[in-house]
Amino acid sequence: MYEDVSLDPRVVDGEGRDPAGGYERPPRREFKARGSFVERCEGCNLPTLNCLCAFRVEAQSRARVWLLTHPLEHHKPTNTGRLIGDVLSATRVFTWYRTAPDADLLALLDDPRYAPFVIFPDDQPDYVERVVGMSAVERAKLQARIPVFIIIDGTWRQARRIFRKSPYLDRLPVLPLRTQRQTRYRLRKPASQAHLCTAEVAIELLRQAGDSDAAEVLDDYFDAFNDSYASSRTYHKIEQLTPAMRRLLSRQRRDTTSTAE
């Protein structure tokens, strides 16, 4: 499904207590994925050859994004979920454990200020009565509630398991993403061009929900990430700024000028 945040120390360090049983976990073997020996920026986690930090721009949106992230996604530098948090500071990230749901997430799901929607395809008949459209998001706004897009951050196989094995999601409306967008993600090979990465899903949801400015910033930031990472894989330094990079820098200058005034 969606491929991919703030990092949960239980996952990143590979140590600590098992969330289900409370016992001490054995140390996890050091992660050795391709590219693990590359020198990376501590701020953006990209290879320092093409650091992304200079192009980071924050935006505001009426809708919120909460990521329900598979533990393995935290290890992947190609994960795009963290881009959402870079742009939208209110983004929340919850690591998924089947037997130990995040207590903070459960509390937020019961908070009447929020109107959460699980983003998932409507391709199975057993939850058809829960499927809603973007009009439900608009109704939540009229009720002075904050729409929340809960995006499952993992592979398609992982996402389907998370959706099926998380009883606390069963009472939430399911919002399928309907878009003609074809993926521009170049760092992992999708099964289909219609399979968007996590950041692209958020971009399209924000755009359809009326948060167009936030969607545009995130889209440009995603493109800058995509180009920077792809170039770094071939040890190529980007010398000429891409159009997306120029737009992000222009936004930074406008924001700085506005703040000064």
C-alpha atoms as a PDB file:
ATOM      1  CA  MET A   1       0.000   0.000   0.000  1.00  0.00           C
ATOM      2  CA  TYR A   2       1.581   3.219   1.122  1.00  0.00           C
ATOM      3  CA  GLU A   3       5.245   2.698   1.616  1.00  0.00           C
ATOM      4  CA  ASP A   4       6.163   4.355   4.632  1.00  0.00           C
ATOM      5  CA  VAL A   5       8.404   9.272  10.929  1.00  0.00           C
ATOM      6  CA  SER A   6       9.433  10.598  14.086  1.00  0.00           C
ATOM      7  CA  LEU A   7      11.351   7.603  15.243  1.00  0.00           C
ATOM      8  CA  ASP A   8      10.152   5.333  18.026  1.00  0.00           C
ATOM      9  CA  PRO A   9      13.188   4.442  20.179  1.00  0.00           C
ATOM     10  CA  ARG A  10      11.767   0.990  20.807  1.00  0.00           C
ATOM     11  CA  VAL A  11      12.134   0.338  17.113  1.00  0.00           C
ATOM     12  CA  VAL A  12      15.174   2.356  16.164  1.00  0.00           C
ATOM     13  CA  ASP A  13      17.465   1.156  18.908  1.00  0.00           C
ATOM     14  CA  GLY A  14      16.230  -2.401  18.624  1.00  0.00           C
ATOM     15  CA  GLU A  15      16.367  -2.648  22.407  1.00  0.00           C
ATOM     16  CA  GLY A  16      14.095  -2.020  25.394  1.00  0.00           C
ATOM     17  CA  ARG A  17      10.976  -3.823  26.492  1.00  0.00           C
ATOM     18  CA  ASP A  18       8.649  -5.756  24.280  1.00  0.00           C
ATOM     19  CA  PRO A  19       5.399  -3.714  24.163  1.00  0.00           C
ATOM     20  CA  ALA A  20       3.252  -6.834  24.440  1.00  0.00           C
ATOM     21  CA  GLY A  21       4.979  -8.826  27.156  1.00  0.00           C
ATOM     22  CA  GLY A  22       7.037  -6.213  28.981  1.00  0.00           C
ATOM     23  CA  TYR A  23      10.167  -8.371  28.981  1.00  0.00           C
ATOM     24  CA  GLU A  24      13.593  -7.227  27.900  1.00  0.00           C
ATOM     25  CA  ARG A  25      14.198  -7.612  24.202  1.00  0.00           C
ATOM     26  CA  PRO A  26      17.521  -9.034  22.991  1.00  0.00           C
ATOM     27  CA  PRO A  27      19.637  -6.508  21.102  1.00  0.00           C
ATOM     28  CA  ARG A  28      18.607  -6.255  17.479  1.00  0.00           C
ATOM     29  CA  ARG A  29      21.289  -6.961  14.911  1.00  0.00           C
ATOM     30  CA  GLU A  30      22.596  -3.738  13.420  1.00  0.00           C
ATOM     31  CA  PHE A  31      20.618  -2.698  10.381  1.00  0.00           C
ATOM     32  CA  LYS A  32      22.625  -3.263   7.199  1.00  0.00           C
ATOM     33  CA  ALA A  33      20.368  -2.298   4.316  1.00  0.00           C
ATOM     34  CA  ARG A  34      21.800  -1.030   1.057  1.00  0.00           C
ATOM     35  CA  GLY A  35      23.163   2.447   1.665  1.00  0.00           C
ATOM     36  CA  SER A  36      23.624   1.928   5.402  1.00  0.00           C
ATOM     37  CA  PHE A  37      27.294   2.948   5.146  1.00  0.00           C
ATOM     38  CA  VAL A  38      26.518   6.235   3.389  1.00  0.00           C
ATOM     39  CA  GLU A  39      27.244   9.388   5.381  1.00  0.00           C
ATOM     40  CA  ARG A  40      23.854  10.904   6.163  1.00  0.00           C
ATOM     41  CA  CYS A  41      22.644  14.258   7.430  1.00  0.00           C
ATOM     42  CA  GLU A  42      21.283  13.979  10.964  1.00  0.00           C
ATOM     43  CA  GLY A  43      18.538  16.455  10.136  1.00  0.00           C
ATOM     44  CA  CYS A  44      16.959  14.970   6.993  1.00  0.00           C
ATOM     45  CA  ASN A  45      18.574  11.500   6.910  1.00  0.00           C
ATOM     46  CA  LEU A  46      19.547  11.969   3.272  1.00  0.00           C
ATOM     47  CA  PRO A  47      23.107  11.438   2.074  1.00  0.00           C
ATOM     48  CA  THR A  48      25.041  14.612   2.911  1.00  0.00           C
ATOM     49  CA  LEU A  49      25.938  14.891  -0.781  1.00  0.00           C
ATOM     50  CA  ASN A  50      22.430  16.223  -1.394  1.00  0.00           C
ATOM     51  CA  CYS A  51      21.115  17.287   2.006  1.00  0.00           C
ATOM     52  CA  LEU A  52      17.453  18.309   1.987  1.00  0.00           C
ATOM     53  CA  CYS A  53      17.461  20.582   5.038  1.00  0.00           C
ATOM     54  CA  ALA A  54      17.888  23.810   3.078  1.00  0.00           C
ATOM     55  CA  PHE A  55      14.543  23.235   1.339  1.00  0.00           C
ATOM     56  CA  ARG A  56      12.389  22.491   4.363  1.00  0.00           C
ATOM     57  CA  VAL A  57       9.285  24.692   4.544  1.00  0.00           C
ATOM     58  CA  GLU A  58       6.496  24.382   7.102  1.00  0.00           C
ATOM     59  CA  ALA A  59       2.865  24.813   6.129  1.00  0.00           C
ATOM     60  CA  GLN A  60      -0.485  24.910   7.894  1.00  0.00           C
ATOM     61  CA  SER A  61      -3.505  22.746   7.163  1.00  0.00           C
ATOM     62  CA  ARG A  62      -6.954  22.442   8.626  1.00  0.00           C
ATOM     63  CA  ALA A  63      -6.853  18.660   8.282  1.00  0.00           C
ATOM     64  CA  ARG A  64      -4.329  16.612  10.248  1.00  0.00           C
ATOM     65  CA  VAL A  65      -2.326  13.541   9.299  1.00  0.00           C
ATOM     66  CA  TRP A  66      -1.672  10.661  11.673  1.00  0.00           C
ATOM     67  CA  LEU A  67       0.602   7.881  10.484  1.00  0.00           C
ATOM     68  CA  LEU A  68       0.145   4.324  11.698  1.00  0.00           C
ATOM     69  CA  THR A  69       3.577   3.016  10.811  1.00  0.00           C
ATOM     70  CA  HIS A  70       4.813  -0.547  10.517  1.00  0.00           C
ATOM     71  CA  PRO A  71       7.972  -0.974  12.685  1.00  0.00           C
ATOM     72  CA  LEU A  72      10.168  -1.887   9.719  1.00  0.00           C
ATOM     73  CA  GLU A  73       9.428   1.412   7.992  1.00  0.00           C
ATOM     74  CA  HIS A  74      11.385   3.330  10.624  1.00  0.00           C
ATOM     75  CA  HIS A  75      14.584   1.691   9.379  1.00  0.00           C
ATOM     76  CA  LYS A  76      14.133   2.739   5.755  1.00  0.00           C
ATOM     77  CA  PRO A  77      15.781   6.015   4.704  1.00  0.00           C
ATOM     78  CA  THR A  78      13.545   5.965   1.615  1.00  0.00           C
ATOM     79  CA  ASN A  79      10.454   6.242   3.814  1.00  0.00           C
ATOM     80  CA  THR A  80       8.453   9.315   2.774  1.00  0.00           C
ATOM     81  CA  GLY A  81       6.155   9.513   5.791  1.00  0.00           C
ATOM     82  CA  ARG A  82       8.666  11.654   7.634  1.00  0.00           C
ATOM     83  CA  LEU A  83       8.372  14.283   4.886  1.00  0.00           C
ATOM     84  CA  ILE A  84       4.812  14.923   6.022  1.00  0.00           C
ATOM     85  CA  GLY A  85       6.000  15.699   9.551  1.00  0.00           C
ATOM     86  CA  ASP A  86       8.674  18.029   8.192  1.00  0.00           C
ATOM     87  CA  VAL A  87       6.046  20.139   6.435  1.00  0.00           C
ATOM     88  CA  LEU A  88       3.086  19.740   8.820  1.00  0.00           C
ATOM     89  CA  SER A  89       4.308  20.030  12.399  1.00  0.00           C
ATOM     90  CA  ALA A  90       1.011  18.718  13.835  1.00  0.00           C
ATOM     91  CA  THR A  91       1.557  15.332  12.197  1.00  0.00           C
ATOM     92  CA  ARG A  92       1.529  12.420  14.636  1.00  0.00           C
ATOM     93  CA  VAL A  93       3.336   9.107  14.151  1.00  0.00           C
ATOM     94  CA  PHE A  94       2.304   5.918  15.907  1.00  0.00           C
ATOM     95  CA  THR A  95       4.225   2.671  15.581  1.00  0.00           C
ATOM     96  CA  TRP A  96       1.922  -0.289  15.018  1.00  0.00           C
ATOM     97  CA  TYR A  97       2.126  -3.310  17.298  1.00  0.00           C
ATOM     98  CA  ARG A  98      -0.594  -5.907  16.885  1.00  0.00           C
ATOM     99  CA  THR A  99      -0.888  -6.829  20.560  1.00  0.00           C
ATOM    100  CA  ALA A 100      -0.095  -3.439  22.078  1.00  0.00           C
ATOM    101  CA  PRO A 101      -1.843  -0.488  20.428  1.00  0.00           C
ATOM    102  CA  ASP A 102      -0.417   2.922  21.177  1.00  0.00           C
ATOM    103  CA  ALA A 103      -2.203   4.395  24.218  1.00  0.00           C
ATOM    104  CA  ASP A 104      -1.868   7.942  22.883  1.00  0.00           C
ATOM    105  CA  LEU A 105      -3.546   6.948  19.636  1.00  0.00           C
ATOM    106  CA  LEU A 106      -6.417   5.276  21.471  1.00  0.00           C
ATOM    107  CA  ALA A 107      -6.932   8.398  23.570  1.00  0.00           C
ATOM    108  CA  LEU A 108      -6.938  10.639  20.510  1.00  0.00           C
ATOM    109  CA  LEU A 109      -9.474   8.433  18.750  1.00  0.00           C
ATOM    110  CA  ASP A 110     -11.836   9.137  21.663  1.00  0.00           C
ATOM    111  CA  ASP A 111     -11.169  12.891  21.622  1.00  0.00           C
ATOM    112  CA  PRO A 112     -14.333  14.625  20.322  1.00  0.00           C
ATOM    113  CA  ARG A 113     -12.284  17.429  18.803  1.00  0.00           C
ATOM    114  CA  TYR A 114     -11.168  15.095  16.012  1.00  0.00           C
ATOM    115  CA  ALA A 115     -12.975  13.369  13.166  1.00  0.00           C
ATOM    116  CA  PRO A 116     -10.635  10.523  12.150  1.00  0.00           C
ATOM    117  CA  PHE A 117     -10.847   8.693   8.831  1.00  0.00           C
ATOM    118  CA  VAL A 118      -8.899   5.541   7.947  1.00  0.00           C
ATOM    119  CA  ILE A 119      -7.448   5.870   4.464  1.00  0.00           C
ATOM    120  CA  PHE A 120      -7.921   2.531   2.762  1.00  0.00           C
ATOM    121  CA  PRO A 121      -9.320   1.144  -0.528  1.00  0.00           C
ATOM    122  CA  ASP A 122     -12.993   0.171  -0.674  1.00  0.00           C
ATOM    123  CA  ASP A 123     -12.250  -3.103  -2.443  1.00  0.00           C
ATOM    124  CA  GLN A 124     -13.792  -5.566   0.042  1.00  0.00           C
ATOM    125  CA  PRO A 125     -17.498  -6.016   0.828  1.00  0.00           C
ATOM    126  CA  ASP A 126     -17.246  -6.646   4.582  1.00  0.00           C
ATOM    127  CA  TYR A 127     -16.753  -2.962   5.481  1.00  0.00           C
ATOM    128  CA  VAL A 128     -18.744  -1.316   2.702  1.00  0.00           C
ATOM    129  CA  GLU A 129     -21.102   0.305   5.232  1.00  0.00           C
ATOM    130  CA  ARG A 130     -18.131   2.249   6.670  1.00  0.00           C
ATOM    131  CA  VAL A 131     -16.975   3.729   3.369  1.00  0.00           C
ATOM    132  CA  VAL A 132     -17.415   7.488   3.029  1.00  0.00           C
ATOM    133  CA  GLY A 133     -16.392  10.174   0.572  1.00  0.00           C
ATOM    134  CA  MET A 134     -14.684  13.539   0.904  1.00  0.00           C
ATOM    135  CA  SER A 135     -18.072  15.073   1.677  1.00  0.00           C
ATOM    136  CA  ALA A 136     -17.796  13.479   5.135  1.00  0.00           C
ATOM    137  CA  VAL A 137     -14.635  15.490   5.703  1.00  0.00           C
ATOM    138  CA  GLU A 138     -16.512  18.664   4.818  1.00  0.00           C
ATOM    139  CA  ARG A 139     -19.308  17.775   7.225  1.00  0.00           C
ATOM    140  CA  ALA A 140     -16.756  17.320  10.014  1.00  0.00           C
ATOM    141  CA  LYS A 141     -15.480  20.835   9.373  1.00  0.00           C
ATOM    142  CA  LEU A 142     -19.012  22.230   9.561  1.00  0.00           C
ATOM    143  CA  GLN A 143     -19.331  20.541  12.957  1.00  0.00           C
ATOM    144  CA  ALA A 144     -16.179  22.403  14.086  1.00  0.00           C
ATOM    145  CA  ARG A 145     -14.229  19.146  14.280  1.00  0.00           C
ATOM    146  CA  ILE A 146     -10.704  18.622  12.968  1.00  0.00           C
ATOM    147  CA  PRO A 147     -10.558  16.081  10.117  1.00  0.00           C
ATOM    148  CA  VAL A 148      -7.775  13.524  10.592  1.00  0.00           C
ATOM    149  CA  PHE A 149      -6.424  11.299   7.861  1.00  0.00           C
ATOM    150  CA  ILE A 150      -5.043   8.086   9.365  1.00  0.00           C
ATOM    151  CA  ILE A 151      -2.602   6.776   6.768  1.00  0.00           C
ATOM    152  CA  ILE A 152      -1.258   3.254   7.188  1.00  0.00           C
ATOM    153  CA  ASP A 153       2.458   3.497   6.536  1.00  0.00           C
ATOM    154  CA  GLY A 154       3.867   0.259   5.160  1.00  0.00           C
ATOM    155  CA  THR A 155       3.878  -2.043   2.141  1.00  0.00           C
ATOM    156  CA  TRP A 156       0.556  -3.148   0.676  1.00  0.00           C
ATOM    157  CA  ARG A 157       0.825  -6.481   2.463  1.00  0.00           C
ATOM    158  CA  GLN A 158       1.693  -4.836   5.773  1.00  0.00           C
ATOM    159  CA  ALA A 159      -1.059  -2.246   5.376  1.00  0.00           C
ATOM    160  CA  ARG A 160      -3.740  -4.846   4.810  1.00  0.00           C
ATOM    161  CA  ARG A 161      -2.612  -6.741   7.905  1.00  0.00           C
ATOM    162  CA  ILE A 162      -2.614  -3.572   9.993  1.00  0.00           C
ATOM    163  CA  PHE A 163      -6.093  -2.685   8.763  1.00  0.00           C
ATOM    164  CA  ARG A 164      -7.444  -6.173   9.559  1.00  0.00           C
ATOM    165  CA  LYS A 165      -5.606  -6.715  12.854  1.00  0.00           C
ATOM    166  CA  SER A 166      -6.381  -3.385  14.542  1.00  0.00           C
ATOM    167  CA  PRO A 167      -9.815  -3.636  16.215  1.00  0.00           C
ATOM    168  CA  TYR A 168      -9.699   0.013  17.301  1.00  0.00           C
ATOM    169  CA  LEU A 169      -9.899   0.986  13.619  1.00  0.00           C
ATOM    170  CA  ASP A 170     -13.093  -0.999  13.074  1.00  0.00           C
ATOM    171  CA  ARG A 171     -15.354   1.774  14.352  1.00  0.00           C
ATOM    172  CA  LEU A 172     -13.856   4.465  12.121  1.00  0.00           C
ATOM    173  CA  PRO A 173     -15.122   5.506   8.694  1.00  0.00           C
ATOM    174  CA  VAL A 174     -13.034   4.320   5.755  1.00  0.00           C
ATOM    175  CA  LEU A 175     -12.068   6.992   3.230  1.00  0.00           C
ATOM    176  CA  PRO A 176     -10.700   5.633  -0.059  1.00  0.00           C
ATOM    177  CA  LEU A 177      -8.362   7.919  -1.952  1.00  0.00           C
ATOM    178  CA  ARG A 178      -9.746   8.560  -5.407  1.00  0.00           C
ATOM    179  CA  THR A 179      -7.225  10.221  -7.689  1.00  0.00           C
ATOM    180  CA  GLN A 180      -5.852  10.073 -11.204  1.00  0.00           C
ATOM    181  CA  ARG A 181      -2.360  10.791  -9.947  1.00  0.00           C
ATOM    182  CA  GLN A 182       0.365   8.427 -11.091  1.00  0.00           C
ATOM    183  CA  THR A 183       3.226   7.916  -8.683  1.00  0.00           C
ATOM    184  CA  ARG A 184       6.385   9.958  -9.169  1.00  0.00           C
ATOM    185  CA  TYR A 185       8.233   8.046  -6.459  1.00  0.00           C
ATOM    186  CA  ARG A 186      11.512   6.716  -7.878  1.00  0.00           C
ATOM    187  CA  LEU A 187      13.192   5.097  -4.884  1.00  0.00           C
ATOM    188  CA  ARG A 188      11.143   1.900  -4.681  1.00  0.00           C
ATOM    189  CA  LYS A 189       9.489   0.080  -7.542  1.00  0.00           C
ATOM    190  CA  PRO A 190       5.681   0.079  -7.172  1.00  0.00           C
ATOM    191  CA  ALA A 191       3.500  -2.822  -8.266  1.00  0.00           C
ATOM    192  CA  SER A 192       1.437  -0.280 -10.196  1.00  0.00           C
ATOM    193  CA  GLN A 193       1.801   3.364 -11.178  1.00  0.00           C
ATOM    194  CA  ALA A 194      -1.470   3.935  -9.333  1.00  0.00           C
ATOM    195  CA  HIS A 195       0.153   2.849  -6.042  1.00  0.00           C
ATOM    196  CA  LEU A 196       1.219   6.087  -4.393  1.00  0.00           C
ATOM    197  CA  CYS A 197       3.814   6.386  -1.665  1.00  0.00           C
ATOM    198  CA  THR A 198       2.814   7.714   1.750  1.00  0.00           C
ATOM    199  CA  ALA A 199       3.711  11.354   1.057  1.00  0.00           C
ATOM    200  CA  GLU A 200       1.818  11.305  -2.234  1.00  0.00           C
ATOM    201  CA  VAL A 201      -1.277   9.934  -0.497  1.00  0.00           C
ATOM    202  CA  ALA A 202      -1.117  12.810   1.994  1.00  0.00           C
ATOM    203  CA  ILE A 203      -0.625  15.346  -0.804  1.00  0.00           C
ATOM    204  CA  GLU A 204      -3.731  14.208  -2.656  1.00  0.00           C
ATOM    205  CA  LEU A 205      -5.849  14.040   0.512  1.00  0.00           C
ATOM    206  CA  LEU A 206      -4.849  17.546   1.537  1.00  0.00           C
ATOM    207  CA  ARG A 207      -5.551  18.866  -1.929  1.00  0.00           C
ATOM    208  CA  GLN A 208      -9.007  17.299  -2.061  1.00  0.00           C
ATOM    209  CA  ALA A 209      -9.795  18.507   1.464  1.00  0.00           C
ATOM    210  CA  GLY A 210      -9.128  22.119   0.475  1.00  0.00           C
ATOM    211  CA  ASP A 211      -5.678  22.473   2.068  1.00  0.00           C
ATOM    212  CA  SER A 212      -4.173  23.308  -1.300  1.00  0.00           C
ATOM    213  CA  ASP A 213      -1.278  25.424  -0.022  1.00  0.00           C
ATOM    214  CA  ALA A 214      -0.078  22.668   2.310  1.00  0.00           C
ATOM    215  CA  ALA A 215      -0.489  20.150  -0.514  1.00  0.00           C
ATOM    216  CA  GLU A 216       1.647  22.251  -2.856  1.00  0.00           C
ATOM    217  CA  VAL A 217       4.422  22.678  -0.292  1.00  0.00           C
ATOM    218  CA  LEU A 218       4.472  18.977   0.504  1.00  0.00           C
ATOM    219  CA  ASP A 219       4.412  18.108  -3.205  1.00  0.00           C
ATOM    220  CA  ASP A 220       7.443  20.305  -3.865  1.00  0.00           C
ATOM    221  CA  TYR A 221       9.244  18.950  -0.807  1.00  0.00           C
ATOM    222  CA  PHE A 222       8.513  15.401  -1.968  1.00  0.00           C
ATOM    223  CA  ASP A 223       9.917  16.173  -5.429  1.00  0.00           C
ATOM    224  CA  ALA A 224      13.044  17.703  -3.883  1.00  0.00           C
ATOM    225  CA  PHE A 225      13.473  14.593  -1.728  1.00  0.00           C
ATOM    226  CA  ASN A 226      12.891  12.306  -4.699  1.00  0.00           C
ATOM    227  CA  ASP A 227      15.465  14.075  -6.875  1.00  0.00           C
ATOM    228  CA  SER A 228      18.019  14.487  -4.086  1.00  0.00           C
ATOM    229  CA  TYR A 229      17.911  10.865  -3.039  1.00  0.00           C
ATOM    230  CA  ALA A 230      17.925   9.505  -6.589  1.00  0.00           C
ATOM    231  CA  SER A 231      20.956  11.630  -7.485  1.00  0.00           C
ATOM    232  CA  SER A 232      22.779  10.559  -4.344  1.00  0.00           C
ATOM    233  CA  ARG A 233      22.363   6.910  -5.308  1.00  0.00           C
ATOM    234  CA  THR A 234      24.580   7.541  -8.323  1.00  0.00           C
ATOM    235  CA  TYR A 235      26.923   9.802  -6.302  1.00  0.00           C
ATOM    236  CA  HIS A 236      25.798  12.792  -8.342  1.00  0.00           C
ATOM    237  CA  LYS A 237      25.744  16.213  -6.699  1.00  0.00           C
ATOM    238  CA  ILE A 238      22.804  18.356  -7.786  1.00  0.00           C
ATOM    239  CA  GLU A 239      24.341  21.600  -9.038  1.00  0.00           C
ATOM    240  CA  GLN A 240      21.305  23.147 -10.761  1.00  0.00           C
ATOM    241  CA  LEU A 241      18.314  23.604  -8.479  1.00  0.00           C
ATOM    242  CA  THR A 242      15.157  21.899  -9.679  1.00  0.00           C
ATOM    243  CA  PRO A 243      11.938  23.912 -10.130  1.00  0.00           C
ATOM    244  CA  ALA A 244      10.536  22.414  -6.917  1.00  0.00           C
ATOM    245  CA  MET A 245      13.655  23.425  -4.984  1.00  0.00           C
ATOM    246  CA  ARG A 246      13.428  26.976  -6.317  1.00  0.00           C
ATOM    247  CA  ARG A 247       9.774  27.231  -5.301  1.00  0.00           C
ATOM    248  CA  LEU A 248      10.585  26.037  -1.793  1.00  0.00           C
ATOM    249  CA  LEU A 249      13.402  28.577  -1.410  1.00  0.00           C
ATOM    250  CA  SER A 250      11.085  31.302  -2.694  1.00  0.00           C
ATOM    251  CA  ARG A 251       8.512  30.341  -0.051  1.00  0.00           C
ATOM    252  CA  GLN A 252      11.189  30.513   2.619  1.00  0.00           C
ATOM    253  CA  ARG A 253      12.073  34.056   1.584  1.00  0.00           C
ATOM    254  CA  ARG A 254       8.414  35.103   1.600  1.00  0.00           C
ATOM    255  CA  ASP A 255       7.881  33.567   5.027  1.00  0.00           C
ATOM    256  CA  THR A 256      10.973  35.288   6.389  1.00  0.00           C
ATOM    257  CA  THR A 257       9.864  38.665   4.974  1.00  0.00           C
ATOM    258  CA  SER A 258       6.353  38.222   6.359  1.00  0.00           C
ATOM    259  CA  THR A 259       7.687  37.355   9.812  1.00  0.00           C
ATOM    260  CA  ALA A 260      10.001  40.361   9.823  1.00  0.00           C
ATOM    261  CA  GLU A 261       7.123  42.697   8.995  1.00  0.00           C
END
